């Protein structure tokens, strides 16, 4: 991972934390650009603690990435089948387009 990758990861985590209504403040800083460390500060409402929120929101990020990966795998498989000449999928793709969907993938994931 590069420093930019670290920054993207921290930004994603911060964004997810700020979606939680129990989070009053969340921020991070990177003390020195040559060191791969960061300081994360989280302030929550009195009914929870920062560690609980951090763990819950980290799990939410993992679920989102897993779902995105699953959708990518499905899309990749469908694209492979469409390109290999599977006529049934081509017909389904044409029908999906005629009903206003962008692709067969969008139809399957509704």
PDB file of N, CA and C in Angstrom:
ATOM      1  N   UNK A   1       0.831  -1.192   0.000  1.00  0.00           N
ATOM      2  CA  UNK A   1       0.000   0.000   0.000  1.00  0.00           C
ATOM      3  C   UNK A   1       0.872   1.251   0.000  1.00  0.00           C
ATOM      4  N   UNK A   2       0.468   2.221  -0.745  1.00  0.00           N
ATOM      5  CA  UNK A   2       1.175   3.497  -0.752  1.00  0.00           C
ATOM      6  C   UNK A   2       0.496   4.442   0.231  1.00  0.00           C
ATOM      7  N   UNK A   3       1.089   5.588   0.419  1.00  0.00           N
ATOM      8  CA  UNK A   3       0.497   6.582   1.319  1.00  0.00           C
ATOM      9  C   UNK A   3      -0.872   7.023   0.813  1.00  0.00           C
ATOM     10  N   UNK A   4      -1.024   7.110  -0.522  1.00  0.00           N
ATOM     11  CA  UNK A   4      -2.326   7.481  -1.082  1.00  0.00           C
ATOM     12  C   UNK A   4      -3.378   6.431  -0.772  1.00  0.00           C
ATOM     13  N   UNK A   5      -2.986   5.142  -0.847  1.00  0.00           N
ATOM     14  CA  UNK A   5      -3.921   4.071  -0.515  1.00  0.00           C
ATOM     15  C   UNK A   5      -4.357   4.173   0.938  1.00  0.00           C
ATOM     16  N   UNK A   6      -3.395   4.455   1.819  1.00  0.00           N
ATOM     17  CA  UNK A   6      -3.719   4.619   3.233  1.00  0.00           C
ATOM     18  C   UNK A   6      -4.718   5.750   3.419  1.00  0.00           C
ATOM     19  N   UNK A   7      -4.487   6.854   2.720  1.00  0.00           N
ATOM     20  CA  UNK A   7      -5.363   8.008   2.856  1.00  0.00           C
ATOM     21  C   UNK A   7      -6.771   7.686   2.359  1.00  0.00           C
ATOM     22  N   UNK A   8      -6.885   6.943   1.257  1.00  0.00           N
ATOM     23  CA  UNK A   8      -8.196   6.548   0.753  1.00  0.00           C
ATOM     24  C   UNK A   8      -8.913   5.646   1.739  1.00  0.00           C
ATOM     25  N   UNK A   9      -8.176   4.729   2.347  1.00  0.00           N
ATOM     26  CA  UNK A   9      -8.763   3.829   3.333  1.00  0.00           C
ATOM     27  C   UNK A   9      -9.277   4.614   4.538  1.00  0.00           C
ATOM     28  N   UNK A  10      -8.492   5.556   5.011  1.00  0.00           N
ATOM     29  CA  UNK A  10      -8.908   6.357   6.164  1.00  0.00           C
ATOM     30  C   UNK A  10     -10.097   7.239   5.816  1.00  0.00           C
ATOM     31  N   UNK A  11     -10.105   7.786   4.619  1.00  0.00           N
ATOM     32  CA  UNK A  11     -11.239   8.612   4.190  1.00  0.00           C
ATOM     33  C   UNK A  11     -12.525   7.794   4.121  1.00  0.00           C
ATOM     34  N   UNK A  12     -12.426   6.572   3.634  1.00  0.00           N
ATOM     35  CA  UNK A  12     -13.589   5.687   3.562  1.00  0.00           C
ATOM     36  C   UNK A  12     -14.105   5.385   4.959  1.00  0.00           C
ATOM     37  N   UNK A  13     -13.186   5.079   5.858  1.00  0.00           N
ATOM     38  CA  UNK A  13     -13.572   4.773   7.236  1.00  0.00           C
ATOM     39  C   UNK A  13     -14.205   6.001   7.891  1.00  0.00           C
ATOM     40  N   UNK A  14     -13.639   7.160   7.677  1.00  0.00           N
ATOM     41  CA  UNK A  14     -14.178   8.384   8.245  1.00  0.00           C
ATOM     42  C   UNK A  14     -15.569   8.676   7.700  1.00  0.00           C
ATOM     43  N   UNK A  15     -15.747   8.517   6.405  1.00  0.00           N
ATOM     44  CA  UNK A  15     -17.046   8.744   5.778  1.00  0.00           C
ATOM     45  C   UNK A  15     -18.108   7.822   6.364  1.00  0.00           C
ATOM     46  N   UNK A  16     -17.749   6.550   6.555  1.00  0.00           N
ATOM     47  CA  UNK A  16     -18.693   5.587   7.123  1.00  0.00           C
ATOM     48  C   UNK A  16     -19.037   5.950   8.561  1.00  0.00           C
ATOM     49  N   UNK A  17     -18.066   6.371   9.322  1.00  0.00           N
ATOM     50  CA  UNK A  17     -18.321   6.768  10.713  1.00  0.00           C
ATOM     51  C   UNK A  17     -19.279   7.951  10.788  1.00  0.00           C
ATOM     52  N   UNK A  18     -19.097   8.912   9.896  1.00  0.00           N
ATOM     53  CA  UNK A  18     -19.925  10.116   9.929  1.00  0.00           C
ATOM     54  C   UNK A  18     -21.366   9.864   9.513  1.00  0.00           C
ATOM     55  N   UNK A  19     -21.650   8.708   8.887  1.00  0.00           N
ATOM     56  CA  UNK A  19     -23.025   8.348   8.542  1.00  0.00           C
ATOM     57  C   UNK A  19     -23.808   7.912   9.772  1.00  0.00           C
ATOM     58  N   UNK A  20     -23.104   7.501  10.813  1.00  0.00           N
ATOM     59  CA  UNK A  20     -23.746   6.986  12.018  1.00  0.00           C
ATOM     60  C   UNK A  20     -24.262   8.148  12.868  1.00  0.00           C
ATOM     61  N   UNK A  21     -25.561   8.150  13.203  1.00  0.00           N
ATOM     62  CA  UNK A  21     -26.110   9.259  13.998  1.00  0.00           C
ATOM     63  C   UNK A  21     -25.563   9.327  15.425  1.00  0.00           C
ATOM     64  N   UNK A  22     -24.957   8.240  15.899  1.00  0.00           N
ATOM     65  CA  UNK A  22     -24.390   8.253  17.252  1.00  0.00           C
ATOM     66  C   UNK A  22     -22.993   8.864  17.295  1.00  0.00           C
ATOM     67  N   UNK A  23     -22.442   9.198  16.129  1.00  0.00           N
ATOM     68  CA  UNK A  23     -21.109   9.813  16.057  1.00  0.00           C
ATOM     69  C   UNK A  23     -21.273  11.329  16.016  1.00  0.00           C
ATOM     70  N   UNK A  24     -20.707  11.993  17.009  1.00  0.00           N
ATOM     71  CA  UNK A  24     -20.759  13.456  17.067  1.00  0.00           C
ATOM     72  C   UNK A  24     -19.587  14.084  16.309  1.00  0.00           C
ATOM     73  N   UNK A  25     -18.436  13.427  16.375  1.00  0.00           N
ATOM     74  CA  UNK A  25     -17.240  13.918  15.687  1.00  0.00           C
ATOM     75  C   UNK A  25     -16.384  12.723  15.291  1.00  0.00           C
ATOM     76  N   UNK A  26     -15.814  12.790  14.111  1.00  0.00           N
ATOM     77  CA  UNK A  26     -14.834  11.801  13.676  1.00  0.00           C
ATOM     78  C   UNK A  26     -13.829  12.500  12.782  1.00  0.00           C
ATOM     79  N   UNK A  27     -12.584  12.231  13.018  1.00  0.00           N
ATOM     80  CA  UNK A  27     -11.531  12.820  12.212  1.00  0.00           C
ATOM     81  C   UNK A  27     -10.252  12.017  12.344  1.00  0.00           C
ATOM     82  N   UNK A  28      -9.343  12.223  11.418  1.00  0.00           N
ATOM     83  CA  UNK A  28      -8.058  11.551  11.509  1.00  0.00           C
ATOM     84  C   UNK A  28      -6.966  12.489  11.045  1.00  0.00           C
ATOM     85  N   UNK A  29      -5.768  12.178  11.480  1.00  0.00           N
ATOM     86  CA  UNK A  29      -4.612  12.921  10.991  1.00  0.00           C
ATOM     87  C   UNK A  29      -3.456  11.937  10.823  1.00  0.00           C
ATOM     88  N   UNK A  30      -2.579  12.287   9.925  1.00  0.00           N
ATOM     89  CA  UNK A  30      -1.379  11.499   9.689  1.00  0.00           C
ATOM     90  C   UNK A  30      -0.215  12.328  10.222  1.00  0.00           C
ATOM     91  N   UNK A  31       0.363  11.895  11.349  1.00  0.00           N
ATOM     92  CA  UNK A  31       1.396  12.711  11.994  1.00  0.00           C
ATOM     93  C   UNK A  31       2.600  13.023  11.102  1.00  0.00           C
ATOM     94  N   UNK A  32       3.045  12.045  10.323  1.00  0.00           N
ATOM     95  CA  UNK A  32       4.196  12.267   9.454  1.00  0.00           C
ATOM     96  C   UNK A  32       3.996  11.463   8.173  1.00  0.00           C
ATOM     97  N   UNK A  33       4.192  12.078   7.017  1.00  0.00           N
ATOM     98  CA  UNK A  33       3.906  11.384   5.747  1.00  0.00           C
ATOM     99  C   UNK A  33       4.791  10.173   5.467  1.00  0.00           C
ATOM    100  N   UNK A  34       5.948  10.079   6.085  1.00  0.00           N
ATOM    101  CA  UNK A  34       6.832   8.936   5.845  1.00  0.00           C
ATOM    102  C   UNK A  34       6.538   7.755   6.754  1.00  0.00           C
ATOM    103  N   UNK A  35       5.720   7.961   7.750  1.00  0.00           N
ATOM    104  CA  UNK A  35       5.349   6.878   8.665  1.00  0.00           C
ATOM    105  C   UNK A  35       3.924   6.437   8.352  1.00  0.00           C
ATOM    106  N   UNK A  36       3.700   5.145   8.317  1.00  0.00           N
ATOM    107  CA  UNK A  36       2.380   4.607   8.014  1.00  0.00           C
ATOM    108  C   UNK A  36       1.556   4.453   9.286  1.00  0.00           C
ATOM    109  N   UNK A  37       1.329   5.583   9.941  1.00  0.00           N
ATOM    110  CA  UNK A  37       0.481   5.607  11.135  1.00  0.00           C
ATOM    111  C   UNK A  37      -0.523   6.730  10.989  1.00  0.00           C
ATOM    112  N   UNK A  38      -1.615   6.611  11.713  1.00  0.00           N
ATOM    113  CA  UNK A  38      -2.607   7.671  11.716  1.00  0.00           C
ATOM    114  C   UNK A  38      -3.260   7.712  13.090  1.00  0.00           C
ATOM    115  N   UNK A  39      -3.841   8.844  13.393  1.00  0.00           N
ATOM    116  CA  UNK A  39      -4.559   9.026  14.651  1.00  0.00           C
ATOM    117  C   UNK A  39      -6.019   9.239  14.302  1.00  0.00           C
ATOM    118  N   UNK A  40      -6.868   8.392  14.837  1.00  0.00           N
ATOM    119  CA  UNK A  40      -8.304   8.465  14.588  1.00  0.00           C
ATOM    120  C   UNK A  40      -8.981   8.941  15.865  1.00  0.00           C
ATOM    121  N   UNK A  41      -9.791   9.976  15.741  1.00  0.00           N
ATOM    122  CA  UNK A  41     -10.527  10.491  16.897  1.00  0.00           C
ATOM    123  C   UNK A  41     -12.013  10.352  16.618  1.00  0.00           C
ATOM    124  N   UNK A  42     -12.713   9.756  17.587  1.00  0.00           N
ATOM    125  CA  UNK A  42     -14.156   9.549  17.460  1.00  0.00           C
ATOM    126  C   UNK A  42     -14.814   9.991  18.758  1.00  0.00           C
ATOM    127  N   UNK A  43     -15.815  10.854  18.631  1.00  0.00           N
ATOM    128  CA  UNK A  43     -16.627  11.249  19.784  1.00  0.00           C
ATOM    129  C   UNK A  43     -18.052  10.797  19.506  1.00  0.00           C
ATOM    130  N   UNK A  44     -18.631  10.096  20.468  1.00  0.00           N
ATOM    131  CA  UNK A  44     -19.964   9.544  20.282  1.00  0.00           C
ATOM    132  C   UNK A  44     -20.924  10.086  21.334  1.00  0.00           C
ATOM    133  N   UNK A  45     -22.187   9.775  21.140  1.00  0.00           N
ATOM    134  CA  UNK A  45     -23.197  10.128  22.131  1.00  0.00           C
ATOM    135  C   UNK A  45     -22.953   9.296  23.394  1.00  0.00           C
ATOM    136  N   UNK A  46     -23.496   9.730  24.533  1.00  0.00           N
ATOM    137  CA  UNK A  46     -23.238   9.020  25.791  1.00  0.00           C
ATOM    138  C   UNK A  46     -23.752   7.566  25.824  1.00  0.00           C
ATOM    139  N   UNK A  47     -24.694   7.203  24.973  1.00  0.00           N
ATOM    140  CA  UNK A  47     -25.267   5.856  25.027  1.00  0.00           C
ATOM    141  C   UNK A  47     -24.410   4.792  24.353  1.00  0.00           C
ATOM    142  N   UNK A  48     -23.261   5.165  23.793  1.00  0.00           N
ATOM    143  CA  UNK A  48     -22.371   4.190  23.156  1.00  0.00           C
ATOM    144  C   UNK A  48     -20.933   4.621  23.373  1.00  0.00           C
ATOM    145  N   UNK A  49     -20.016   3.770  22.942  1.00  0.00           N
ATOM    146  CA  UNK A  49     -18.613   4.175  23.042  1.00  0.00           C
ATOM    147  C   UNK A  49     -17.960   4.097  21.662  1.00  0.00           C
ATOM    148  N   UNK A  50     -16.875   4.817  21.464  1.00  0.00           N
ATOM    149  CA  UNK A  50     -16.237   4.890  20.145  1.00  0.00           C
ATOM    150  C   UNK A  50     -15.786   3.535  19.588  1.00  0.00           C
ATOM    151  N   UNK A  51     -15.327   2.637  20.447  1.00  0.00           N
ATOM    152  CA  UNK A  51     -14.864   1.344  19.960  1.00  0.00           C
ATOM    153  C   UNK A  51     -16.013   0.533  19.357  1.00  0.00           C
ATOM    154  N   UNK A  52     -17.173   0.547  20.002  1.00  0.00           N
ATOM    155  CA  UNK A  52     -18.341  -0.164  19.460  1.00  0.00           C
ATOM    156  C   UNK A  52     -18.716   0.368  18.084  1.00  0.00           C
ATOM    157  N   UNK A  53     -18.741   1.683  17.962  1.00  0.00           N
ATOM    158  CA  UNK A  53     -19.108   2.313  16.689  1.00  0.00           C
ATOM    159  C   UNK A  53     -18.058   2.000  15.623  1.00  0.00           C
ATOM    160  N   UNK A  54     -16.793   2.078  15.984  1.00  0.00           N
ATOM    161  CA  UNK A  54     -15.717   1.781  15.033  1.00  0.00           C
ATOM    162  C   UNK A  54     -15.826   0.348  14.517  1.00  0.00           C
ATOM    163  N   UNK A  55     -16.071  -0.599  15.408  1.00  0.00           N
ATOM    164  CA  UNK A  55     -16.193  -1.998  14.993  1.00  0.00           C
ATOM    165  C   UNK A  55     -17.424  -2.211  14.116  1.00  0.00           C
ATOM    166  N   UNK A  56     -18.541  -1.611  14.480  1.00  0.00           N
ATOM    167  CA  UNK A  56     -19.767  -1.768  13.696  1.00  0.00           C
ATOM    168  C   UNK A  56     -19.618  -1.164  12.304  1.00  0.00           C
ATOM    169  N   UNK A  57     -19.046   0.013  12.215  1.00  0.00           N
ATOM    170  CA  UNK A  57     -18.898   0.676  10.914  1.00  0.00           C
ATOM    171  C   UNK A  57     -17.818   0.007  10.063  1.00  0.00           C
ATOM    172  N   UNK A  58     -16.798  -0.547  10.688  1.00  0.00           N
ATOM    173  CA  UNK A  58     -15.797  -1.310   9.936  1.00  0.00           C
ATOM    174  C   UNK A  58     -16.433  -2.560   9.333  1.00  0.00           C
ATOM    175  N   UNK A  59     -17.308  -3.203  10.091  1.00  0.00           N
ATOM    176  CA  UNK A  59     -18.035  -4.372   9.574  1.00  0.00           C
ATOM    177  C   UNK A  59     -18.941  -3.960   8.414  1.00  0.00           C
ATOM    178  N   UNK A  60     -19.545  -2.779   8.501  1.00  0.00           N
ATOM    179  CA  UNK A  60     -20.401  -2.288   7.414  1.00  0.00           C
ATOM    180  C   UNK A  60     -19.581  -2.066   6.136  1.00  0.00           C
ATOM    181  N   UNK A  61     -18.378  -1.545   6.273  1.00  0.00           N
ATOM    182  CA  UNK A  61     -17.502  -1.353   5.110  1.00  0.00           C
ATOM    183  C   UNK A  61     -17.158  -2.700   4.486  1.00  0.00           C
ATOM    184  N   UNK A  62     -16.848  -3.674   5.327  1.00  0.00           N
ATOM    185  CA  UNK A  62     -16.510  -5.008   4.822  1.00  0.00           C
ATOM    186  C   UNK A  62     -17.698  -5.605   4.077  1.00  0.00           C
ATOM    187  N   UNK A  63     -18.917  -5.430   4.603  1.00  0.00           N
ATOM    188  CA  UNK A  63     -20.111  -5.933   3.919  1.00  0.00           C
ATOM    189  C   UNK A  63     -20.292  -5.251   2.569  1.00  0.00           C
ATOM    190  N   UNK A  64     -20.106  -3.938   2.518  1.00  0.00           N
ATOM    191  CA  UNK A  64     -20.260  -3.207   1.255  1.00  0.00           C
ATOM    192  C   UNK A  64     -19.236  -3.663   0.215  1.00  0.00           C
ATOM    193  N   UNK A  65     -17.993  -3.844   0.638  1.00  0.00           N
ATOM    194  CA  UNK A  65     -16.953  -4.281  -0.289  1.00  0.00           C
ATOM    195  C   UNK A  65     -17.235  -5.712  -0.749  1.00  0.00           C
ATOM    196  N   UNK A  66     -17.697  -6.568   0.152  1.00  0.00           N
ATOM    197  CA  UNK A  66     -18.043  -7.943  -0.224  1.00  0.00           C
ATOM    198  C   UNK A  66     -19.194  -7.964  -1.220  1.00  0.00           C
ATOM    199  N   UNK A  67     -20.193  -7.118  -0.995  1.00  0.00           N
ATOM    200  CA  UNK A  67     -21.325  -7.043  -1.916  1.00  0.00           C
ATOM    201  C   UNK A  67     -20.873  -6.530  -3.283  1.00  0.00           C
ATOM    202  N   UNK A  68     -20.024  -5.532  -3.281  1.00  0.00           N
ATOM    203  CA  UNK A  68     -19.485  -5.008  -4.531  1.00  0.00           C
ATOM    204  C   UNK A  68     -18.683  -6.082  -5.265  1.00  0.00           C
ATOM    205  N   UNK A  69     -17.894  -6.843  -4.531  1.00  0.00           N
ATOM    206  CA  UNK A  69     -17.127  -7.929  -5.128  1.00  0.00           C
ATOM    207  C   UNK A  69     -18.050  -8.994  -5.728  1.00  0.00           C
ATOM    208  N   UNK A  70     -19.120  -9.335  -5.011  1.00  0.00           N
ATOM    209  CA  UNK A  70     -20.080 -10.318  -5.510  1.00  0.00           C
ATOM    210  C   UNK A  70     -20.725  -9.825  -6.803  1.00  0.00           C
ATOM    211  N   UNK A  71     -21.139  -8.557  -6.821  1.00  0.00           N
ATOM    212  CA  UNK A  71     -21.744  -7.994  -8.028  1.00  0.00           C
ATOM    213  C   UNK A  71     -20.757  -7.985  -9.188  1.00  0.00           C
ATOM    214  N   UNK A  72     -19.503  -7.695  -8.891  1.00  0.00           N
ATOM    215  CA  UNK A  72     -18.491  -7.701  -9.939  1.00  0.00           C
ATOM    216  C   UNK A  72     -18.318  -9.109 -10.498  1.00  0.00           C
ATOM    217  N   UNK A  73     -18.280 -10.106  -9.616  1.00  0.00           N
ATOM    218  CA  UNK A  73     -18.120 -11.490 -10.061  1.00  0.00           C
ATOM    219  C   UNK A  73     -19.295 -11.911 -10.949  1.00  0.00           C
ATOM    220  N   UNK A  74     -20.521 -11.533 -10.546  1.00  0.00           N
ATOM    221  CA  UNK A  74     -21.703 -11.861 -11.345  1.00  0.00           C
ATOM    222  C   UNK A  74     -21.624 -11.169 -12.697  1.00  0.00           C
ATOM    223  N   UNK A  75     -21.286  -9.889 -12.687  1.00  0.00           N
ATOM    224  CA  UNK A  75     -21.184  -9.130 -13.929  1.00  0.00           C
ATOM    225  C   UNK A  75     -20.120  -9.720 -14.835  1.00  0.00           C
ATOM    226  N   UNK A  76     -19.001 -10.094 -14.247  1.00  0.00           N
ATOM    227  CA  UNK A  76     -17.915 -10.688 -15.022  1.00  0.00           C
ATOM    228  C   UNK A  76     -18.356 -12.008 -15.663  1.00  0.00           C
ATOM    229  N   UNK A  77     -19.077 -12.820 -14.897  1.00  0.00           N
ATOM    230  CA  UNK A  77     -19.563 -14.104 -15.428  1.00  0.00           C
ATOM    231  C   UNK A  77     -20.572 -13.882 -16.552  1.00  0.00           C
ATOM    232  N   UNK A  78     -21.475 -12.914 -16.362  1.00  0.00           N
ATOM    233  CA  UNK A  78     -22.478 -12.617 -17.392  1.00  0.00           C
ATOM    234  C   UNK A  78     -21.798 -12.086 -18.649  1.00  0.00           C
ATOM    235  N   UNK A  79     -20.821 -11.196 -18.479  1.00  0.00           N
ATOM    236  CA  UNK A  79     -20.102 -10.655 -19.637  1.00  0.00           C
ATOM    237  C   UNK A  79     -19.381 -11.757 -20.385  1.00  0.00           C
ATOM    238  N   UNK A  80     -18.782 -12.678 -19.657  1.00  0.00           N
ATOM    239  CA  UNK A  80     -18.092 -13.795 -20.290  1.00  0.00           C
ATOM    240  C   UNK A  80     -19.062 -14.640 -21.092  1.00  0.00           C
ATOM    241  N   UNK A  81     -20.229 -14.924 -20.489  1.00  0.00           N
ATOM    242  CA  UNK A  81     -21.233 -15.731 -21.192  1.00  0.00           C
ATOM    243  C   UNK A  81     -21.774 -15.001 -22.425  1.00  0.00           C
ATOM    244  N   UNK A  82     -22.023 -13.696 -22.288  1.00  0.00           N
ATOM    245  CA  UNK A  82     -22.518 -12.929 -23.441  1.00  0.00           C
ATOM    246  C   UNK A  82     -21.508 -12.940 -24.575  1.00  0.00           C
ATOM    247  N   UNK A  83     -20.239 -12.807 -24.221  1.00  0.00           N
ATOM    248  CA  UNK A  83     -19.199 -12.781 -25.256  1.00  0.00           C
ATOM    249  C   UNK A  83     -18.917 -14.158 -25.830  1.00  0.00           C
ATOM    250  N   UNK A  84     -19.275 -15.211 -25.102  1.00  0.00           N
ATOM    251  CA  UNK A  84     -18.992 -16.562 -25.608  1.00  0.00           C
ATOM    252  C   UNK A  84     -20.089 -17.067 -26.531  1.00  0.00           C
ATOM    253  N   UNK A  85     -21.171 -16.312 -26.665  1.00  0.00           N
ATOM    254  CA  UNK A  85     -22.195 -16.690 -27.620  1.00  0.00           C
ATOM    255  C   UNK A  85     -23.391 -17.405 -27.023  1.00  0.00           C
ATOM    256  N   UNK A  86     -23.599 -17.293 -25.715  1.00  0.00           N
ATOM    257  CA  UNK A  86     -24.761 -17.933 -25.100  1.00  0.00           C
ATOM    258  C   UNK A  86     -26.012 -17.157 -25.534  1.00  0.00           C
ATOM    259  N   UNK A  87     -26.810 -17.735 -26.406  1.00  0.00           N
ATOM    260  CA  UNK A  87     -27.940 -17.022 -26.992  1.00  0.00           C
ATOM    261  C   UNK A  87     -29.028 -16.712 -25.966  1.00  0.00           C
ATOM    262  N   UNK A  88     -29.183 -17.550 -24.936  1.00  0.00           N
ATOM    263  CA  UNK A  88     -30.213 -17.285 -23.922  1.00  0.00           C
ATOM    264  C   UNK A  88     -29.883 -15.999 -23.167  1.00  0.00           C
ATOM    265  N   UNK A  89     -28.616 -15.839 -22.791  1.00  0.00           N
ATOM    266  CA  UNK A  89     -28.234 -14.613 -22.095  1.00  0.00           C
ATOM    267  C   UNK A  89     -28.342 -13.393 -22.999  1.00  0.00           C
ATOM    268  N   UNK A  90     -28.051 -13.573 -24.281  1.00  0.00           N
ATOM    269  CA  UNK A  90     -28.189 -12.447 -25.211  1.00  0.00           C
ATOM    270  C   UNK A  90     -29.653 -12.013 -25.300  1.00  0.00           C
ATOM    271  N   UNK A  91     -30.567 -12.975 -25.339  1.00  0.00           N
ATOM    272  CA  UNK A  91     -31.998 -12.651 -25.373  1.00  0.00           C
ATOM    273  C   UNK A  91     -32.401 -11.958 -24.073  1.00  0.00           C
ATOM    274  N   UNK A  92     -31.940 -12.492 -22.934  1.00  0.00           N
ATOM    275  CA  UNK A  92     -32.246 -11.857 -21.634  1.00  0.00           C
ATOM    276  C   UNK A  92     -31.701 -10.435 -21.586  1.00  0.00           C
ATOM    277  N   UNK A  93     -30.505 -10.247 -22.137  1.00  0.00           N
ATOM    278  CA  UNK A  93     -29.898  -8.919 -22.156  1.00  0.00           C
ATOM    279  C   UNK A  93     -30.737  -7.952 -22.992  1.00  0.00           C
ATOM    280  N   UNK A  94     -31.193  -8.402 -24.145  1.00  0.00           N
ATOM    281  CA  UNK A  94     -32.033  -7.561 -25.012  1.00  0.00           C
ATOM    282  C   UNK A  94     -33.353  -7.238 -24.316  1.00  0.00           C
ATOM    283  N   UNK A  95     -33.944  -8.236 -23.635  1.00  0.00           N
ATOM    284  CA  UNK A  95     -35.193  -7.994 -22.909  1.00  0.00           C
ATOM    285  C   UNK A  95     -34.971  -7.011 -21.764  1.00  0.00           C
ATOM    286  N   UNK A  96     -33.876  -7.172 -21.042  1.00  0.00           N
ATOM    287  CA  UNK A  96     -33.583  -6.253 -19.943  1.00  0.00           C
ATOM    288  C   UNK A  96     -33.447  -4.831 -20.464  1.00  0.00           C
ATOM    289  N   UNK A  97     -32.756  -4.669 -21.589  1.00  0.00           N
ATOM    290  CA  UNK A  97     -32.614  -3.335 -22.180  1.00  0.00           C
ATOM    291  C   UNK A  97     -33.961  -2.777 -22.616  1.00  0.00           C
ATOM    292  N   UNK A  98     -34.830  -3.633 -23.137  1.00  0.00           N
ATOM    293  CA  UNK A  98     -36.135  -3.157 -23.605  1.00  0.00           C
ATOM    294  C   UNK A  98     -37.039  -2.737 -22.452  1.00  0.00           C
ATOM    295  N   UNK A  99     -36.791  -3.280 -21.256  1.00  0.00           N
ATOM    296  CA  UNK A  99     -37.583  -2.886 -20.088  1.00  0.00           C
ATOM    297  C   UNK A  99     -36.952  -1.710 -19.342  1.00  0.00           C
ATOM    298  N   UNK A 100     -35.879  -1.170 -19.891  1.00  0.00           N
ATOM    299  CA  UNK A 100     -35.278   0.030 -19.308  1.00  0.00           C
ATOM    300  C   UNK A 100     -34.124  -0.230 -18.365  1.00  0.00           C
ATOM    301  N   UNK A 101     -33.691  -1.476 -18.241  1.00  0.00           N
ATOM    302  CA  UNK A 101     -32.532  -1.764 -17.411  1.00  0.00           C
ATOM    303  C   UNK A 101     -31.270  -1.535 -18.232  1.00  0.00           C
ATOM    304  N   UNK A 102     -30.176  -1.181 -17.549  1.00  0.00           N
ATOM    305  CA  UNK A 102     -28.919  -0.946 -18.256  1.00  0.00           C
ATOM    306  C   UNK A 102     -28.273  -2.251 -18.708  1.00  0.00           C
ATOM    307  N   UNK A 103     -28.519  -3.312 -17.977  1.00  0.00           N
ATOM    308  CA  UNK A 103     -27.904  -4.592 -18.327  1.00  0.00           C
ATOM    309  C   UNK A 103     -28.649  -5.722 -17.643  1.00  0.00           C
ATOM    310  N   UNK A 104     -28.250  -6.923 -17.961  1.00  0.00           N
ATOM    311  CA  UNK A 104     -28.823  -8.099 -17.305  1.00  0.00           C
ATOM    312  C   UNK A 104     -28.462  -8.062 -15.823  1.00  0.00           C
ATOM    313  N   UNK A 105     -27.277  -7.576 -15.500  1.00  0.00           N
ATOM    314  CA  UNK A 105     -26.836  -7.509 -14.110  1.00  0.00           C
ATOM    315  C   UNK A 105     -27.794  -6.676 -13.280  1.00  0.00           C
ATOM    316  N   UNK A 106     -28.208  -5.509 -13.792  1.00  0.00           N
ATOM    317  CA  UNK A 106     -29.135  -4.663 -13.046  1.00  0.00           C
ATOM    318  C   UNK A 106     -30.455  -5.382 -12.831  1.00  0.00           C
ATOM    319  N   UNK A 107     -30.895  -6.136 -13.795  1.00  0.00           N
ATOM    320  CA  UNK A 107     -32.129  -6.895 -13.690  1.00  0.00           C
ATOM    321  C   UNK A 107     -32.007  -7.962 -12.606  1.00  0.00           C
ATOM    322  N   UNK A 108     -30.888  -8.679 -12.581  1.00  0.00           N
ATOM    323  CA  UNK A 108     -30.702  -9.759 -11.624  1.00  0.00           C
ATOM    324  C   UNK A 108     -30.511  -9.262 -10.193  1.00  0.00           C
ATOM    325  N   UNK A 109     -29.996  -8.062 -10.006  1.00  0.00           N
ATOM    326  CA  UNK A 109     -29.676  -7.598  -8.660  1.00  0.00           C
ATOM    327  C   UNK A 109     -30.775  -6.755  -8.029  1.00  0.00           C
ATOM    328  N   UNK A 110     -31.947  -6.636  -8.651  1.00  0.00           N
ATOM    329  CA  UNK A 110     -33.015  -5.860  -8.056  1.00  0.00           C
ATOM    330  C   UNK A 110     -33.628  -6.560  -6.864  1.00  0.00           C
TER     331      UNK A 110
END
